[in-house]
C-alpha atoms as a PDB file:
ATOM      1  CA  MET A   1     152.571   5.660 137.303  1.00  0.00           C
ATOM      2  CA  LEU A   2     152.709   2.921 134.675  1.00  0.00           C
ATOM      3  CA  VAL A   3     151.074  -0.417 135.411  1.00  0.00           C
ATOM      4  CA  PRO A   4     152.564  -3.585 133.908  1.00  0.00           C
ATOM      5  CA  TYR A   5     150.258  -6.131 132.328  1.00  0.00           C
ATOM      6  CA  THR A   6     150.453  -9.645 130.937  1.00  0.00           C
ATOM      7  CA  ILE A   7     148.777 -11.232 127.930  1.00  0.00           C
ATOM      8  CA  GLU A   8     148.367 -15.007 127.665  1.00  0.00           C
ATOM      9  CA  GLN A   9     146.310 -17.380 125.576  1.00  0.00           C
ATOM     10  CA  ASP A  10     144.261 -19.932 127.502  1.00  0.00           C
ATOM     11  CA  GLU A  11     143.564 -23.564 126.573  1.00  0.00           C
ATOM     12  CA  ALA A  12     140.414 -22.591 124.645  1.00  0.00           C
ATOM     13  CA  GLY A  13     142.356 -20.114 122.480  1.00  0.00           C
ATOM     14  CA  VAL A  14     141.010 -16.996 124.195  1.00  0.00           C
ATOM     15  CA  TRP A  15     143.510 -14.215 124.860  1.00  0.00           C
ATOM     16  CA  CYS A  16     143.525 -12.821 128.423  1.00  0.00           C
ATOM     17  CA  ALA A  17     145.191  -9.560 129.476  1.00  0.00           C
ATOM     18  CA  ARG A  18     145.648  -8.828 133.185  1.00  0.00           C
ATOM     19  CA  ALA A  19     146.964  -5.921 135.235  1.00  0.00           C
ATOM     20  CA  ARG A  20     147.301  -5.583 138.993  1.00  0.00           C
ATOM     21  CA  LEU A  21     146.641  -2.043 140.176  1.00  0.00           C
ATOM     22  CA  ARG A  22     147.412  -2.662 143.832  1.00  0.00           C
ATOM     23  CA  PRO A  23     147.039  -5.615 146.198  1.00  0.00           C
ATOM     24  CA  GLY A  24     143.537  -6.974 145.862  1.00  0.00           C
ATOM     25  CA  VAL A  25     142.617  -4.765 142.887  1.00  0.00           C
ATOM     26  CA  GLY A  26     143.149  -5.810 139.300  1.00  0.00           C
ATOM     27  CA  ALA A  27     141.642  -5.629 135.854  1.00  0.00           C
ATOM     28  CA  ARG A  28     141.168  -8.268 133.178  1.00  0.00           C
ATOM     29  CA  GLY A  29     140.403  -8.129 129.483  1.00  0.00           C
ATOM     30  CA  VAL A  30     139.612 -10.942 127.059  1.00  0.00           C
ATOM     31  CA  GLY A  31     139.442 -11.223 123.290  1.00  0.00           C
ATOM     32  CA  ASP A  32     140.004 -13.315 120.183  1.00  0.00           C
ATOM     33  CA  THR A  33     143.372 -11.608 119.578  1.00  0.00           C
ATOM     34  CA  PRO A  34     146.029 -10.083 121.828  1.00  0.00           C
ATOM     35  CA  ASP A  35     145.000  -6.606 120.605  1.00  0.00           C
ATOM     36  CA  ALA A  36     141.334  -7.269 121.411  1.00  0.00           C
ATOM     37  CA  ALA A  37     142.237  -8.493 124.903  1.00  0.00           C
ATOM     38  CA  LEU A  38     144.370  -5.406 125.514  1.00  0.00           C
ATOM     39  CA  ALA A  39     141.566  -3.107 124.290  1.00  0.00           C
ATOM     40  CA  ASP A  40     139.157  -4.851 126.674  1.00  0.00           C
ATOM     41  CA  LEU A  41     141.682  -4.492 129.514  1.00  0.00           C
ATOM     42  CA  ARG A  42     142.084  -0.777 128.775  1.00  0.00           C
ATOM     43  CA  ALA A  43     138.299  -0.290 128.909  1.00  0.00           C
ATOM     44  CA  GLU A  44     138.061  -2.131 132.235  1.00  0.00           C
ATOM     45  CA  PHE A  45     141.071  -0.241 133.551  1.00  0.00           C
ATOM     46  CA  ALA A  46     139.490   3.102 132.604  1.00  0.00           C
ATOM     47  CA  LEU A  47     136.387   2.221 134.626  1.00  0.00           C
ATOM     48  CA  LEU A  48     138.476   1.355 137.680  1.00  0.00           C
ATOM     49  CA  VAL A  49     140.486   4.562 137.390  1.00  0.00           C
ATOM     50  CA  ALA A  50     137.313   6.655 137.054  1.00  0.00           C
ATOM     51  CA  GLU A  51     135.740   4.977 140.079  1.00  0.00           C
ATOM     52  CA  GLY A  52     138.837   5.323 142.230  1.00  0.00           C
ATOM     53  CA  ASP A  53     140.123   8.654 140.897  1.00  0.00           C
ATOM     54  CA  THR A  54     143.511   6.970 140.450  1.00  0.00           C
ATOM     55  CA  ARG A  55     146.049   8.297 137.961  1.00  0.00           C
ATOM     56  CA  LEU A  56     147.615   5.199 136.458  1.00  0.00           C
ATOM     57  CA  GLU A  57     148.447   4.111 132.929  1.00  0.00           C
ATOM     58  CA  LEU A  58     149.107   0.705 131.424  1.00  0.00           C
ATOM     59  CA  MET A  59     152.709   0.200 130.290  1.00  0.00           C
END
């Protein structure tokens, strides 16, 4: 299953990537660029998948 994500820049200029895996469970990544935020999100997402034995992929 593919998981949609969003990337936005906050007021301080930091890029934030977010994905909701299921109600109450999500992952967040931050970085100086959109690519860095997405890489951080992917790393966080991988930890959640490993812990929950869930087979999901970011879109």
